[in-house]
Amino acid sequence: MLFGTNKSLGGTRLLYVAFTCLLASGVLASAQSSNGTTANPEDVVSPSAVVRASYVAISGPPGQPLNLDRFRSLFLPQAQLVSVSVKDGRGQARAMTLQEFTDMVTSRIGRDGHIEHEIAQRVDVYGNIANVWSSYESRKTPDDPQVTRGINSIQLMNDGKRWWISGAQWQHETAESPIPAKYLSGAH
């Protein structure tokens, strides 16, 4: 509906352009991580897609920079990452912020190389929350005979536009604590 002269039409166009920009910025902001990195839409379409993208982002041969911006774009700003280990028969946790985790990855894993991939996955979804049990194998290089296996438990939430990792914890497999068969079925 137009009122008045062409001067009003110019004001209406300006209002329309401003409103369109405001809507677009809201859409982009919902896809951005805490560091302003916009997630690849294919990376955040489902819990499984987020997990696949996380493995790709933190994998690379020695000397190759890891794609940590892509990795960060998958997480809520307040996400917590927890490495669980067993010492003297007791569980121990090392809790990290996303920044602490990426600092560790850069200083240790990225320098030496790190190839990690999923060997099986179980996904449980209820409403806007999900948990992915992801069994993995990792090594320094593709032909490294020393293989580390374990399980990631990754918690995600959907804000109506995309999936975000809200937290993750993992534990490496040991002789005393092998990966149960139910977390190895459906191997990729």
C-alpha atoms as a PDB file:
ATOM      1  CA  MET A   1       0.000   0.000   0.000  1.00  0.00           C
ATOM      2  CA  LEU A   2       1.464   3.362  -1.014  1.00  0.00           C
ATOM      3  CA  PHE A   3       0.589   6.710   0.517  1.00  0.00           C
ATOM      4  CA  GLY A   4       1.541  10.192  -0.600  1.00  0.00           C
ATOM      5  CA  THR A   5       4.159  11.190  -3.113  1.00  0.00           C
ATOM      6  CA  ASN A   6       7.295   9.629  -4.527  1.00  0.00           C
ATOM      7  CA  LYS A   7       9.043  10.994  -1.444  1.00  0.00           C
ATOM      8  CA  SER A   8       6.955   8.570   0.644  1.00  0.00           C
ATOM      9  CA  LEU A   9       7.768   5.802  -1.813  1.00  0.00           C
ATOM     10  CA  GLY A  10      11.494   6.426  -1.208  1.00  0.00           C
ATOM     11  CA  GLY A  11      10.915   6.254   2.557  1.00  0.00           C
ATOM     12  CA  THR A  12       8.938   3.030   2.122  1.00  0.00           C
ATOM     13  CA  ARG A  13      11.739   1.520   0.063  1.00  0.00           C
ATOM     14  CA  LEU A  14      14.274   2.556   2.682  1.00  0.00           C
ATOM     15  CA  LEU A  15      12.127   0.998   5.405  1.00  0.00           C
ATOM     16  CA  TYR A  16      11.764  -2.190   3.318  1.00  0.00           C
ATOM     17  CA  VAL A  17      15.545  -2.399   2.737  1.00  0.00           C
ATOM     18  CA  ALA A  18      16.253  -1.812   6.438  1.00  0.00           C
ATOM     19  CA  PHE A  19      13.712  -4.479   7.451  1.00  0.00           C
ATOM     20  CA  THR A  20      15.174  -6.970   4.949  1.00  0.00           C
ATOM     21  CA  CYS A  21      18.702  -6.351   6.277  1.00  0.00           C
ATOM     22  CA  LEU A  22      17.500  -6.812   9.850  1.00  0.00           C
ATOM     23  CA  LEU A  23      15.878 -10.147   8.996  1.00  0.00           C
ATOM     24  CA  ALA A  24      18.966 -11.333   7.112  1.00  0.00           C
ATOM     25  CA  SER A  25      21.259 -10.422   9.998  1.00  0.00           C
ATOM     26  CA  GLY A  26      19.090 -12.435  12.394  1.00  0.00           C
ATOM     27  CA  VAL A  27      19.276 -15.484  10.140  1.00  0.00           C
ATOM     28  CA  LEU A  28      23.047 -15.176   9.815  1.00  0.00           C
ATOM     29  CA  ALA A  29      23.517 -14.608  13.549  1.00  0.00           C
ATOM     30  CA  SER A  30      21.687 -17.828  14.353  1.00  0.00           C
ATOM     31  CA  ALA A  31      24.150 -19.767  12.186  1.00  0.00           C
ATOM     32  CA  GLN A  32      27.236 -18.085  13.670  1.00  0.00           C
ATOM     33  CA  SER A  33      29.323 -19.469  16.472  1.00  0.00           C
ATOM     34  CA  SER A  34      30.711 -17.488  19.379  1.00  0.00           C
ATOM     35  CA  ASN A  35      33.771 -16.479  17.356  1.00  0.00           C
ATOM     36  CA  GLY A  36      31.645 -15.111  14.506  1.00  0.00           C
ATOM     37  CA  THR A  37      32.389 -18.054  12.201  1.00  0.00           C
ATOM     38  CA  THR A  38      29.381 -19.024  10.133  1.00  0.00           C
ATOM     39  CA  ALA A  39      28.739 -22.754   9.979  1.00  0.00           C
ATOM     40  CA  ASN A  40      28.451 -24.535   6.662  1.00  0.00           C
ATOM     41  CA  PRO A  41      24.689 -25.293   6.426  1.00  0.00           C
ATOM     42  CA  GLU A  42      25.385 -28.934   5.459  1.00  0.00           C
ATOM     43  CA  ASP A  43      27.472 -29.331   8.646  1.00  0.00           C
ATOM     44  CA  VAL A  44      24.593 -28.485  10.992  1.00  0.00           C
ATOM     45  CA  VAL A  45      21.532 -30.053   9.350  1.00  0.00           C
ATOM     46  CA  SER A  46      21.443 -33.097  11.681  1.00  0.00           C
ATOM     47  CA  PRO A  47      23.263 -34.499  14.724  1.00  0.00           C
ATOM     48  CA  SER A  48      25.108 -36.968  12.480  1.00  0.00           C
ATOM     49  CA  ALA A  49      26.195 -34.192  10.096  1.00  0.00           C
ATOM     50  CA  VAL A  50      27.598 -32.139  12.999  1.00  0.00           C
ATOM     51  CA  VAL A  51      29.606 -35.109  14.275  1.00  0.00           C
ATOM     52  CA  ARG A  52      30.972 -35.910  10.785  1.00  0.00           C
ATOM     53  CA  ALA A  53      32.031 -32.281  10.341  1.00  0.00           C
ATOM     54  CA  SER A  54      33.780 -32.270  13.727  1.00  0.00           C
ATOM     55  CA  TYR A  55      35.920 -35.281  12.762  1.00  0.00           C
ATOM     56  CA  VAL A  56      36.916 -33.710   9.436  1.00  0.00           C
ATOM     57  CA  ALA A  57      37.738 -30.345  11.059  1.00  0.00           C
ATOM     58  CA  ILE A  58      40.166 -31.763  13.639  1.00  0.00           C
ATOM     59  CA  SER A  59      41.884 -34.226  11.327  1.00  0.00           C
ATOM     60  CA  GLY A  60      44.975 -33.584   9.274  1.00  0.00           C
ATOM     61  CA  PRO A  61      48.512 -34.782   8.582  1.00  0.00           C
ATOM     62  CA  PRO A  62      51.523 -33.369  10.473  1.00  0.00           C
ATOM     63  CA  GLY A  63      52.193 -29.729   9.644  1.00  0.00           C
ATOM     64  CA  GLN A  64      48.816 -29.067   8.017  1.00  0.00           C
ATOM     65  CA  PRO A  65      46.717 -26.477   9.855  1.00  0.00           C
ATOM     66  CA  LEU A  66      43.497 -27.956  11.204  1.00  0.00           C
ATOM     67  CA  ASN A  67      40.200 -26.283  10.301  1.00  0.00           C
ATOM     68  CA  LEU A  68      39.500 -24.992  13.799  1.00  0.00           C
ATOM     69  CA  ASP A  69      37.143 -22.243  12.593  1.00  0.00           C
ATOM     70  CA  ARG A  70      34.927 -24.946  11.108  1.00  0.00           C
ATOM     71  CA  PHE A  71      35.234 -26.912  14.360  1.00  0.00           C
ATOM     72  CA  ARG A  72      34.296 -23.878  16.509  1.00  0.00           C
ATOM     73  CA  SER A  73      31.288 -23.115  14.282  1.00  0.00           C
ATOM     74  CA  LEU A  74      29.684 -26.374  15.436  1.00  0.00           C
ATOM     75  CA  PHE A  75      29.598 -25.454  19.148  1.00  0.00           C
ATOM     76  CA  LEU A  76      27.527 -23.279  21.446  1.00  0.00           C
ATOM     77  CA  PRO A  77      29.761 -20.606  23.010  1.00  0.00           C
ATOM     78  CA  GLN A  78      29.421 -22.116  26.504  1.00  0.00           C
ATOM     79  CA  ALA A  79      30.037 -25.737  25.432  1.00  0.00           C
ATOM     80  CA  GLN A  80      32.227 -27.858  27.662  1.00  0.00           C
ATOM     81  CA  LEU A  81      34.507 -30.669  26.495  1.00  0.00           C
ATOM     82  CA  VAL A  82      35.538 -33.346  28.975  1.00  0.00           C
ATOM     83  CA  SER A  83      38.283 -35.925  28.595  1.00  0.00           C
ATOM     84  CA  VAL A  84      37.610 -38.871  30.905  1.00  0.00           C
ATOM     85  CA  SER A  85      40.379 -41.250  31.920  1.00  0.00           C
ATOM     86  CA  VAL A  86      40.918 -43.927  34.550  1.00  0.00           C
ATOM     87  CA  LYS A  87      43.797 -43.818  37.008  1.00  0.00           C
ATOM     88  CA  ASP A  88      44.198 -46.324  39.832  1.00  0.00           C
ATOM     89  CA  GLY A  89      40.728 -47.659  39.074  1.00  0.00           C
ATOM     90  CA  ARG A  90      39.039 -44.264  39.470  1.00  0.00           C
ATOM     91  CA  GLY A  91      37.520 -42.043  36.821  1.00  0.00           C
ATOM     92  CA  GLN A  92      39.104 -38.647  36.299  1.00  0.00           C
ATOM     93  CA  ALA A  93      37.810 -35.749  34.251  1.00  0.00           C
ATOM     94  CA  ARG A  94      39.633 -32.937  32.524  1.00  0.00           C
ATOM     95  CA  ALA A  95      37.013 -30.313  31.685  1.00  0.00           C
ATOM     96  CA  MET A  96      37.855 -27.708  29.041  1.00  0.00           C
ATOM     97  CA  THR A  97      36.213 -24.752  27.403  1.00  0.00           C
ATOM     98  CA  LEU A  98      36.122 -24.743  23.626  1.00  0.00           C
ATOM     99  CA  GLN A  99      39.095 -22.340  23.593  1.00  0.00           C
ATOM    100  CA  GLU A 100      41.115 -24.542  25.969  1.00  0.00           C
ATOM    101  CA  PHE A 101      40.379 -27.572  23.806  1.00  0.00           C
ATOM    102  CA  THR A 102      41.381 -25.868  20.543  1.00  0.00           C
ATOM    103  CA  ASP A 103      44.566 -24.551  22.215  1.00  0.00           C
ATOM    104  CA  MET A 104      45.426 -28.128  23.229  1.00  0.00           C
ATOM    105  CA  VAL A 105      44.664 -29.423  19.746  1.00  0.00           C
ATOM    106  CA  THR A 106      46.849 -26.747  18.167  1.00  0.00           C
ATOM    107  CA  SER A 107      49.808 -27.334  20.479  1.00  0.00           C
ATOM    108  CA  ARG A 108      49.807 -31.131  20.553  1.00  0.00           C
ATOM    109  CA  ILE A 109      47.598 -32.853  18.047  1.00  0.00           C
ATOM    110  CA  GLY A 110      47.921 -30.384  15.150  1.00  0.00           C
ATOM    111  CA  ARG A 111      51.717 -30.364  15.313  1.00  0.00           C
ATOM    112  CA  ASP A 112      52.078 -34.168  15.237  1.00  0.00           C
ATOM    113  CA  GLY A 113      49.169 -34.922  12.918  1.00  0.00           C
ATOM    114  CA  HIS A 114      45.819 -36.382  13.866  1.00  0.00           C
ATOM    115  CA  ILE A 115      43.535 -38.508  11.731  1.00  0.00           C
ATOM    116  CA  GLU A 116      40.297 -39.378  13.492  1.00  0.00           C
ATOM    117  CA  HIS A 117      37.252 -41.041  12.009  1.00  0.00           C
ATOM    118  CA  GLU A 118      34.055 -42.590  13.220  1.00  0.00           C
ATOM    119  CA  ILE A 119      33.703 -46.362  13.189  1.00  0.00           C
ATOM    120  CA  ALA A 120      30.125 -46.559  14.493  1.00  0.00           C
ATOM    121  CA  GLN A 121      27.373 -44.220  15.648  1.00  0.00           C
ATOM    122  CA  ARG A 122      24.225 -44.353  17.785  1.00  0.00           C
ATOM    123  CA  VAL A 123      21.936 -41.312  17.796  1.00  0.00           C
ATOM    124  CA  ASP A 124      19.151 -40.659  20.305  1.00  0.00           C
ATOM    125  CA  VAL A 125      16.900 -37.637  19.656  1.00  0.00           C
ATOM    126  CA  TYR A 126      14.109 -36.243  21.799  1.00  0.00           C
ATOM    127  CA  GLY A 127      12.513 -32.970  20.748  1.00  0.00           C
ATOM    128  CA  ASN A 128      15.289 -30.425  20.333  1.00  0.00           C
ATOM    129  CA  ILE A 129      18.001 -32.418  22.114  1.00  0.00           C
ATOM    130  CA  ALA A 130      20.171 -35.281  20.940  1.00  0.00           C
ATOM    131  CA  ASN A 131      22.997 -37.479  22.142  1.00  0.00           C
ATOM    132  CA  VAL A 132      25.382 -39.121  19.711  1.00  0.00           C
ATOM    133  CA  TRP A 133      27.482 -42.069  20.842  1.00  0.00           C
ATOM    134  CA  SER A 134      30.322 -42.048  18.355  1.00  0.00           C
ATOM    135  CA  SER A 135      32.976 -44.772  18.451  1.00  0.00           C
ATOM    136  CA  TYR A 136      36.202 -43.599  16.872  1.00  0.00           C
ATOM    137  CA  GLU A 137      39.682 -44.555  15.754  1.00  0.00           C
ATOM    138  CA  SER A 138      42.528 -42.088  15.704  1.00  0.00           C
ATOM    139  CA  ARG A 139      46.167 -42.122  14.685  1.00  0.00           C
ATOM    140  CA  LYS A 140      48.838 -39.554  13.814  1.00  0.00           C
ATOM    141  CA  THR A 141      49.027 -40.393  10.112  1.00  0.00           C
ATOM    142  CA  PRO A 142      46.846 -42.550   7.843  1.00  0.00           C
ATOM    143  CA  ASP A 143      49.374 -45.417   7.890  1.00  0.00           C
ATOM    144  CA  ASP A 144      50.392 -45.126  11.562  1.00  0.00           C
ATOM    145  CA  PRO A 145      50.156 -48.649  13.077  1.00  0.00           C
ATOM    146  CA  GLN A 146      49.434 -47.210  16.543  1.00  0.00           C
ATOM    147  CA  VAL A 147      45.661 -46.804  16.715  1.00  0.00           C
ATOM    148  CA  THR A 148      43.702 -45.265  19.583  1.00  0.00           C
ATOM    149  CA  ARG A 149      40.009 -46.102  19.860  1.00  0.00           C
ATOM    150  CA  GLY A 150      37.312 -44.842  22.167  1.00  0.00           C
ATOM    151  CA  ILE A 151      33.833 -43.393  22.466  1.00  0.00           C
ATOM    152  CA  ASN A 152      32.646 -39.789  22.201  1.00  0.00           C
ATOM    153  CA  SER A 153      29.367 -38.880  23.880  1.00  0.00           C
ATOM    154  CA  ILE A 154      28.255 -35.699  22.143  1.00  0.00           C
ATOM    155  CA  GLN A 155      25.273 -33.680  23.356  1.00  0.00           C
ATOM    156  CA  LEU A 156      23.502 -31.413  20.880  1.00  0.00           C
ATOM    157  CA  MET A 157      20.571 -29.011  20.782  1.00  0.00           C
ATOM    158  CA  ASN A 158      18.513 -27.591  17.948  1.00  0.00           C
ATOM    159  CA  ASP A 159      17.489 -23.927  18.080  1.00  0.00           C
ATOM    160  CA  GLY A 160      14.919 -24.372  15.306  1.00  0.00           C
ATOM    161  CA  LYS A 161      17.435 -23.447  12.618  1.00  0.00           C
ATOM    162  CA  ARG A 162      20.405 -25.765  13.145  1.00  0.00           C
ATOM    163  CA  TRP A 163      22.069 -28.271  15.471  1.00  0.00           C
ATOM    164  CA  TRP A 164      24.734 -27.107  17.957  1.00  0.00           C
ATOM    165  CA  ILE A 165      27.114 -29.151  20.111  1.00  0.00           C
ATOM    166  CA  SER A 166      26.386 -28.151  23.697  1.00  0.00           C
ATOM    167  CA  GLY A 167      28.901 -30.543  25.256  1.00  0.00           C
ATOM    168  CA  ALA A 168      31.065 -33.575  24.642  1.00  0.00           C
ATOM    169  CA  GLN A 169      32.958 -36.121  26.666  1.00  0.00           C
ATOM    170  CA  TRP A 170      35.146 -38.986  25.571  1.00  0.00           C
ATOM    171  CA  GLN A 171      37.127 -41.879  26.910  1.00  0.00           C
ATOM    172  CA  HIS A 172      39.837 -43.907  25.198  1.00  0.00           C
ATOM    173  CA  GLU A 173      39.462 -47.668  25.023  1.00  0.00           C
ATOM    174  CA  THR A 174      41.750 -49.714  27.294  1.00  0.00           C
ATOM    175  CA  ALA A 175      42.309 -53.425  27.838  1.00  0.00           C
ATOM    176  CA  GLU A 176      40.255 -53.120  31.038  1.00  0.00           C
ATOM    177  CA  SER A 177      37.523 -51.144  29.309  1.00  0.00           C
ATOM    178  CA  PRO A 178      37.039 -52.280  25.693  1.00  0.00           C
ATOM    179  CA  ILE A 179      34.359 -50.683  23.529  1.00  0.00           C
ATOM    180  CA  PRO A 180      31.116 -52.674  24.036  1.00  0.00           C
ATOM    181  CA  ALA A 181      29.752 -54.485  20.966  1.00  0.00           C
ATOM    182  CA  LYS A 182      26.594 -52.311  20.930  1.00  0.00           C
ATOM    183  CA  TYR A 183      28.826 -49.290  20.180  1.00  0.00           C
ATOM    184  CA  LEU A 184      30.571 -51.066  17.322  1.00  0.00           C
ATOM    185  CA  SER A 185      27.532 -52.258  15.391  1.00  0.00           C
ATOM    186  CA  GLY A 186      26.552 -50.291  12.333  1.00  0.00           C
ATOM    187  CA  ALA A 187      30.169 -49.466  11.625  1.00  0.00           C
ATOM    188  CA  HIS A 188      30.713 -47.003   8.797  1.00  0.00           C
END
